[in-house]
């Protein structure tokens, strides 16, 4: 499987984001809030949307670092999961954390989403 972050793996328009924000499965901690909705089509791929607030991370270099980190986690870990549309929001505390801590936080949040979804299906 390719490790690139293709256009098909991105939430691209406001309607896609709105659909996820409307009735999400939610997981959050001190660093991130992850919202998810199952994809509509059976053959769909998981897609990612990022909402990195300038209010939380003032410097562009900080915002870009977090976006790269989230995309890398998504590329390497989430694409093989059941198809969901995800939106990841950040909190100000991400600025002062190491990449390893943030990756663990993302792992916990994404696994919580899958567990919550599994409970709703049964």
N, C-alpha and C. Protein backbone atom coordinates (compact mmCIF):
# COMPACT_ATOMS: atom_id res chain seq x y z
N UNK A 1 0.84 -1.18 0.00
CA UNK A 1 0.00 0.00 0.00
C UNK A 1 0.89 1.25 0.00
N UNK A 2 0.51 2.21 -0.74
CA UNK A 2 1.25 3.46 -0.83
C UNK A 2 1.17 4.22 0.49
N UNK A 3 2.24 4.88 0.87
CA UNK A 3 2.27 5.64 2.10
C UNK A 3 2.02 7.13 1.86
N UNK A 4 1.59 7.50 0.64
CA UNK A 4 1.36 8.90 0.37
C UNK A 4 -0.04 9.30 0.85
N UNK A 5 -0.19 10.59 1.07
CA UNK A 5 -1.46 11.14 1.54
C UNK A 5 -2.19 11.73 0.33
N UNK A 6 -2.98 10.90 -0.32
CA UNK A 6 -3.62 11.27 -1.58
C UNK A 6 -4.85 12.14 -1.37
N UNK A 7 -5.29 12.75 -2.43
CA UNK A 7 -6.49 13.58 -2.40
C UNK A 7 -7.71 12.80 -1.94
N UNK A 8 -7.78 11.51 -2.28
CA UNK A 8 -8.93 10.68 -1.89
C UNK A 8 -8.99 10.46 -0.38
N UNK A 9 -7.89 10.74 0.32
CA UNK A 9 -7.83 10.54 1.77
C UNK A 9 -8.12 11.82 2.55
N UNK A 10 -8.56 12.87 1.87
CA UNK A 10 -8.80 14.16 2.52
C UNK A 10 -10.26 14.54 2.47
N UNK A 11 -10.72 15.18 3.52
CA UNK A 11 -12.03 15.84 3.48
C UNK A 11 -11.79 17.17 2.79
N UNK A 12 -12.51 17.41 1.71
CA UNK A 12 -12.17 18.55 0.86
C UNK A 12 -13.14 19.72 0.93
N UNK A 13 -14.39 19.46 1.24
CA UNK A 13 -15.33 20.58 1.18
C UNK A 13 -16.12 20.73 2.48
N UNK A 14 -16.79 21.84 2.60
CA UNK A 14 -17.51 22.17 3.83
C UNK A 14 -18.61 21.16 4.14
N UNK A 15 -19.23 20.59 3.13
CA UNK A 15 -20.29 19.61 3.35
C UNK A 15 -19.74 18.36 4.04
N UNK A 16 -18.55 17.94 3.64
CA UNK A 16 -17.91 16.78 4.29
C UNK A 16 -17.62 17.07 5.76
N UNK A 17 -17.08 18.25 6.04
CA UNK A 17 -16.79 18.62 7.42
C UNK A 17 -18.08 18.74 8.23
N UNK A 18 -19.10 19.34 7.65
CA UNK A 18 -20.38 19.52 8.35
C UNK A 18 -21.00 18.19 8.71
N UNK A 19 -20.90 17.22 7.82
CA UNK A 19 -21.46 15.90 8.07
C UNK A 19 -20.79 15.27 9.29
N UNK A 20 -19.48 15.43 9.42
CA UNK A 20 -18.77 14.88 10.57
C UNK A 20 -19.12 15.65 11.84
N UNK A 21 -19.22 16.97 11.77
CA UNK A 21 -19.52 17.78 12.94
C UNK A 21 -20.95 17.58 13.43
N UNK A 22 -21.86 17.15 12.55
CA UNK A 22 -23.27 17.06 12.91
C UNK A 22 -23.55 16.00 13.99
N UNK A 23 -23.15 14.77 13.78
CA UNK A 23 -23.38 13.70 14.75
C UNK A 23 -22.13 12.82 14.87
N UNK A 24 -21.10 13.32 15.51
CA UNK A 24 -19.84 12.58 15.50
C UNK A 24 -19.75 11.53 16.61
N UNK A 25 -18.89 10.57 16.38
CA UNK A 25 -18.34 9.75 17.45
C UNK A 25 -17.12 10.54 17.90
N UNK A 26 -17.01 10.82 19.20
CA UNK A 26 -16.02 11.79 19.67
C UNK A 26 -15.07 11.16 20.68
N UNK A 27 -13.82 11.54 20.59
CA UNK A 27 -12.81 11.17 21.58
C UNK A 27 -11.90 12.38 21.77
N UNK A 28 -11.58 12.68 23.02
CA UNK A 28 -10.69 13.83 23.24
C UNK A 28 -9.83 13.60 24.48
N UNK A 29 -8.74 14.34 24.51
CA UNK A 29 -7.84 14.36 25.65
C UNK A 29 -7.25 15.76 25.74
N UNK A 30 -6.13 15.89 26.44
CA UNK A 30 -5.54 17.21 26.65
C UNK A 30 -4.97 17.83 25.38
N UNK A 31 -4.73 17.00 24.34
CA UNK A 31 -4.06 17.49 23.15
C UNK A 31 -4.95 17.57 21.91
N UNK A 32 -5.83 16.59 21.73
CA UNK A 32 -6.64 16.51 20.51
C UNK A 32 -8.09 16.18 20.82
N UNK A 33 -8.94 16.58 19.90
CA UNK A 33 -10.31 16.08 19.84
C UNK A 33 -10.45 15.45 18.47
N UNK A 34 -10.88 14.19 18.44
CA UNK A 34 -11.06 13.48 17.18
C UNK A 34 -12.55 13.20 17.02
N UNK A 35 -13.10 13.64 15.91
CA UNK A 35 -14.50 13.40 15.57
C UNK A 35 -14.53 12.46 14.38
N UNK A 36 -15.51 11.57 14.35
CA UNK A 36 -15.57 10.60 13.25
C UNK A 36 -17.01 10.26 12.92
N UNK A 37 -17.23 9.93 11.68
CA UNK A 37 -18.51 9.40 11.19
C UNK A 37 -18.19 8.29 10.20
N UNK A 38 -18.93 7.18 10.24
CA UNK A 38 -18.72 6.14 9.23
C UNK A 38 -18.97 6.71 7.83
N UNK A 39 -18.20 6.27 6.86
CA UNK A 39 -18.38 6.72 5.48
C UNK A 39 -19.70 6.20 4.93
N UNK A 40 -20.26 6.93 4.00
CA UNK A 40 -21.54 6.57 3.41
C UNK A 40 -21.43 5.39 2.47
N UNK A 41 -20.42 5.36 1.64
CA UNK A 41 -20.26 4.31 0.65
C UNK A 41 -19.46 3.14 1.23
N UNK A 42 -19.84 1.93 0.86
CA UNK A 42 -19.15 0.73 1.34
C UNK A 42 -17.69 0.68 0.87
N UNK A 43 -17.44 1.08 -0.35
CA UNK A 43 -16.09 0.99 -0.91
C UNK A 43 -15.24 2.23 -0.63
N UNK A 44 -15.73 3.10 0.24
CA UNK A 44 -15.04 4.36 0.50
C UNK A 44 -13.77 4.13 1.33
N UNK A 45 -12.86 5.06 1.19
CA UNK A 45 -11.63 5.07 1.97
C UNK A 45 -11.82 5.97 3.19
N UNK A 46 -11.04 5.74 4.22
CA UNK A 46 -11.04 6.67 5.34
C UNK A 46 -10.47 7.99 4.87
N UNK A 47 -11.07 9.08 5.36
CA UNK A 47 -10.62 10.41 4.96
C UNK A 47 -10.36 11.24 6.21
N UNK A 48 -9.46 12.20 6.08
CA UNK A 48 -9.04 13.03 7.20
C UNK A 48 -9.25 14.50 6.90
N UNK A 49 -9.77 15.21 7.87
CA UNK A 49 -9.87 16.66 7.81
C UNK A 49 -9.19 17.24 9.04
N UNK A 50 -8.51 18.35 8.88
CA UNK A 50 -7.79 18.97 9.99
C UNK A 50 -8.39 20.34 10.28
N UNK A 51 -8.61 20.61 11.56
CA UNK A 51 -9.07 21.92 11.99
C UNK A 51 -8.08 22.40 13.04
N UNK A 52 -7.03 23.04 12.57
CA UNK A 52 -5.95 23.50 13.44
C UNK A 52 -6.15 25.01 13.62
N UNK A 53 -6.59 25.39 14.80
CA UNK A 53 -6.97 26.78 15.04
C UNK A 53 -5.75 27.68 15.23
N UNK A 54 -5.78 28.79 14.54
CA UNK A 54 -4.73 29.80 14.68
C UNK A 54 -4.74 30.37 16.10
N UNK A 55 -5.91 30.35 16.71
CA UNK A 55 -6.03 30.84 18.08
C UNK A 55 -5.26 29.94 19.05
N UNK A 56 -5.22 28.63 18.77
CA UNK A 56 -4.51 27.68 19.63
C UNK A 56 -3.01 27.68 19.36
N UNK A 57 -2.63 27.72 18.09
CA UNK A 57 -1.22 27.68 17.69
C UNK A 57 -0.95 28.90 16.81
N UNK A 58 -0.39 29.90 17.40
CA UNK A 58 -0.21 31.19 16.71
C UNK A 58 0.76 31.13 15.53
N UNK A 59 1.85 30.41 15.69
CA UNK A 59 2.89 30.39 14.66
C UNK A 59 2.60 29.33 13.60
N UNK A 60 2.79 29.68 12.35
CA UNK A 60 2.55 28.76 11.25
C UNK A 60 3.44 27.52 11.36
N UNK A 61 4.64 27.69 11.85
CA UNK A 61 5.55 26.55 11.98
C UNK A 61 4.98 25.52 12.96
N UNK A 62 4.32 25.98 14.02
CA UNK A 62 3.70 25.06 14.98
C UNK A 62 2.50 24.35 14.36
N UNK A 63 1.66 25.10 13.65
CA UNK A 63 0.49 24.49 12.99
C UNK A 63 0.93 23.45 11.96
N UNK A 64 1.95 23.79 11.17
CA UNK A 64 2.42 22.87 10.13
C UNK A 64 3.04 21.60 10.72
N UNK A 65 3.75 21.74 11.82
CA UNK A 65 4.33 20.58 12.49
C UNK A 65 3.23 19.62 12.94
N UNK A 66 2.19 20.15 13.54
CA UNK A 66 1.08 19.32 14.03
C UNK A 66 0.35 18.67 12.86
N UNK A 67 0.12 19.42 11.80
CA UNK A 67 -0.55 18.85 10.62
C UNK A 67 0.26 17.70 10.03
N UNK A 68 1.57 17.88 9.91
CA UNK A 68 2.43 16.80 9.39
C UNK A 68 2.36 15.58 10.28
N UNK A 69 2.38 15.79 11.58
CA UNK A 69 2.33 14.69 12.53
C UNK A 69 1.01 13.92 12.43
N UNK A 70 -0.10 14.62 12.35
CA UNK A 70 -1.41 13.97 12.25
C UNK A 70 -1.52 13.22 10.93
N UNK A 71 -1.09 13.83 9.84
CA UNK A 71 -1.14 13.16 8.54
C UNK A 71 -0.29 11.89 8.54
N UNK A 72 0.89 11.97 9.14
CA UNK A 72 1.75 10.80 9.19
C UNK A 72 1.09 9.68 9.99
N UNK A 73 0.50 10.01 11.13
CA UNK A 73 -0.18 8.98 11.92
C UNK A 73 -1.32 8.37 11.10
N UNK A 74 -2.10 9.19 10.46
CA UNK A 74 -3.23 8.72 9.66
C UNK A 74 -2.75 7.80 8.53
N UNK A 75 -1.73 8.23 7.81
CA UNK A 75 -1.18 7.44 6.70
C UNK A 75 -0.70 6.08 7.14
N UNK A 76 -0.02 6.02 8.25
CA UNK A 76 0.61 4.78 8.67
C UNK A 76 -0.29 3.86 9.48
N UNK A 77 -1.35 4.39 10.10
CA UNK A 77 -2.14 3.58 11.03
C UNK A 77 -3.63 3.48 10.73
N UNK A 78 -4.23 4.48 10.15
CA UNK A 78 -5.68 4.54 10.08
C UNK A 78 -6.25 4.09 8.75
N UNK A 79 -5.51 4.20 7.68
CA UNK A 79 -6.07 3.91 6.36
C UNK A 79 -6.61 2.49 6.23
N UNK A 80 -6.07 1.55 7.00
CA UNK A 80 -6.51 0.17 6.89
C UNK A 80 -7.74 -0.14 7.76
N UNK A 81 -8.12 0.78 8.62
CA UNK A 81 -9.29 0.58 9.49
C UNK A 81 -10.58 0.65 8.67
N UNK A 82 -11.72 0.35 9.30
CA UNK A 82 -12.99 0.57 8.59
C UNK A 82 -13.08 2.03 8.13
N UNK A 83 -13.81 2.25 7.07
CA UNK A 83 -13.86 3.58 6.45
C UNK A 83 -14.64 4.57 7.31
N UNK A 84 -13.95 5.58 7.76
CA UNK A 84 -14.53 6.68 8.53
C UNK A 84 -14.08 7.99 7.91
N UNK A 85 -14.86 9.03 8.15
CA UNK A 85 -14.43 10.39 7.90
C UNK A 85 -14.03 10.95 9.26
N UNK A 86 -12.80 11.43 9.38
CA UNK A 86 -12.28 11.95 10.64
C UNK A 86 -12.01 13.43 10.52
N UNK A 87 -12.24 14.16 11.62
CA UNK A 87 -11.78 15.54 11.75
C UNK A 87 -11.01 15.60 13.06
N UNK A 88 -9.79 16.11 12.99
CA UNK A 88 -8.95 16.24 14.17
C UNK A 88 -8.81 17.72 14.49
N UNK A 89 -9.14 18.07 15.74
CA UNK A 89 -8.99 19.42 16.25
C UNK A 89 -7.90 19.41 17.31
N UNK A 90 -7.19 20.50 17.45
CA UNK A 90 -6.09 20.56 18.42
C UNK A 90 -6.45 21.47 19.59
N UNK A 91 -5.70 21.27 20.65
CA UNK A 91 -5.77 22.15 21.81
C UNK A 91 -4.40 22.80 21.98
N UNK A 92 -4.34 23.88 22.72
CA UNK A 92 -3.11 24.65 22.85
C UNK A 92 -1.96 23.84 23.44
N UNK A 93 -2.25 22.82 24.23
CA UNK A 93 -1.20 22.03 24.90
C UNK A 93 -0.31 21.26 23.92
N UNK A 94 -0.73 21.08 22.67
CA UNK A 94 0.10 20.33 21.72
C UNK A 94 1.41 21.05 21.41
N UNK A 95 1.43 22.34 21.56
CA UNK A 95 2.60 23.13 21.19
C UNK A 95 3.86 22.70 21.95
N UNK A 96 3.71 22.34 23.22
CA UNK A 96 4.87 22.07 24.07
C UNK A 96 5.19 20.58 24.22
N UNK A 97 4.55 19.72 23.45
CA UNK A 97 4.75 18.29 23.59
C UNK A 97 5.65 17.71 22.50
N UNK A 98 6.28 16.60 22.83
CA UNK A 98 7.12 15.92 21.86
C UNK A 98 6.25 15.16 20.86
N UNK A 99 6.82 14.82 19.74
CA UNK A 99 6.09 14.05 18.73
C UNK A 99 5.65 12.70 19.27
N UNK A 100 6.46 12.06 20.09
CA UNK A 100 6.13 10.74 20.63
C UNK A 100 4.88 10.81 21.50
N UNK A 101 4.79 11.81 22.36
CA UNK A 101 3.62 11.98 23.23
C UNK A 101 2.38 12.23 22.38
N UNK A 102 2.51 13.05 21.36
CA UNK A 102 1.37 13.37 20.51
C UNK A 102 0.92 12.15 19.70
N UNK A 103 1.87 11.34 19.23
CA UNK A 103 1.52 10.11 18.50
C UNK A 103 0.76 9.15 19.41
N UNK A 104 1.18 9.01 20.65
CA UNK A 104 0.46 8.15 21.59
C UNK A 104 -0.95 8.68 21.85
N UNK A 105 -1.07 9.98 21.95
CA UNK A 105 -2.39 10.58 22.14
C UNK A 105 -3.30 10.30 20.95
N UNK A 106 -2.77 10.45 19.75
CA UNK A 106 -3.56 10.15 18.56
C UNK A 106 -3.97 8.68 18.53
N UNK A 107 -3.04 7.80 18.89
CA UNK A 107 -3.34 6.37 18.90
C UNK A 107 -4.49 6.06 19.86
N UNK A 108 -4.45 6.65 21.04
CA UNK A 108 -5.52 6.43 22.03
C UNK A 108 -6.85 6.96 21.51
N UNK A 109 -6.85 8.14 20.94
CA UNK A 109 -8.09 8.73 20.46
C UNK A 109 -8.71 7.94 19.31
N UNK A 110 -7.89 7.54 18.35
CA UNK A 110 -8.41 6.79 17.22
C UNK A 110 -8.90 5.41 17.65
N UNK A 111 -8.21 4.76 18.60
CA UNK A 111 -8.68 3.45 19.06
C UNK A 111 -9.98 3.58 19.86
N UNK A 112 -10.13 4.67 20.63
CA UNK A 112 -11.40 4.91 21.34
C UNK A 112 -12.56 5.07 20.37
N UNK A 113 -12.31 5.75 19.27
CA UNK A 113 -13.35 5.94 18.25
C UNK A 113 -13.83 4.57 17.75
N UNK A 114 -12.90 3.70 17.42
CA UNK A 114 -13.25 2.38 16.91
C UNK A 114 -14.01 1.56 17.94
N UNK A 115 -13.60 1.65 19.21
CA UNK A 115 -14.30 0.92 20.28
C UNK A 115 -15.72 1.44 20.45
N UNK A 116 -15.89 2.74 20.44
CA UNK A 116 -17.23 3.33 20.57
C UNK A 116 -18.11 2.91 19.41
N UNK A 117 -17.55 2.90 18.21
CA UNK A 117 -18.32 2.50 17.04
C UNK A 117 -18.73 1.04 17.13
N UNK A 118 -17.83 0.19 17.61
CA UNK A 118 -18.14 -1.23 17.74
C UNK A 118 -19.26 -1.46 18.75
N UNK A 119 -19.28 -0.69 19.83
CA UNK A 119 -20.36 -0.80 20.83
C UNK A 119 -21.71 -0.39 20.26
N UNK A 120 -21.71 0.64 19.40
CA UNK A 120 -22.97 1.11 18.81
C UNK A 120 -23.53 0.11 17.80
N UNK A 121 -22.64 -0.62 17.14
CA UNK A 121 -23.09 -1.58 16.11
C UNK A 121 -23.71 -2.83 16.72
N UNK A 122 -23.26 -3.22 17.91
CA UNK A 122 -23.77 -4.46 18.50
C UNK A 122 -25.03 -4.24 19.29
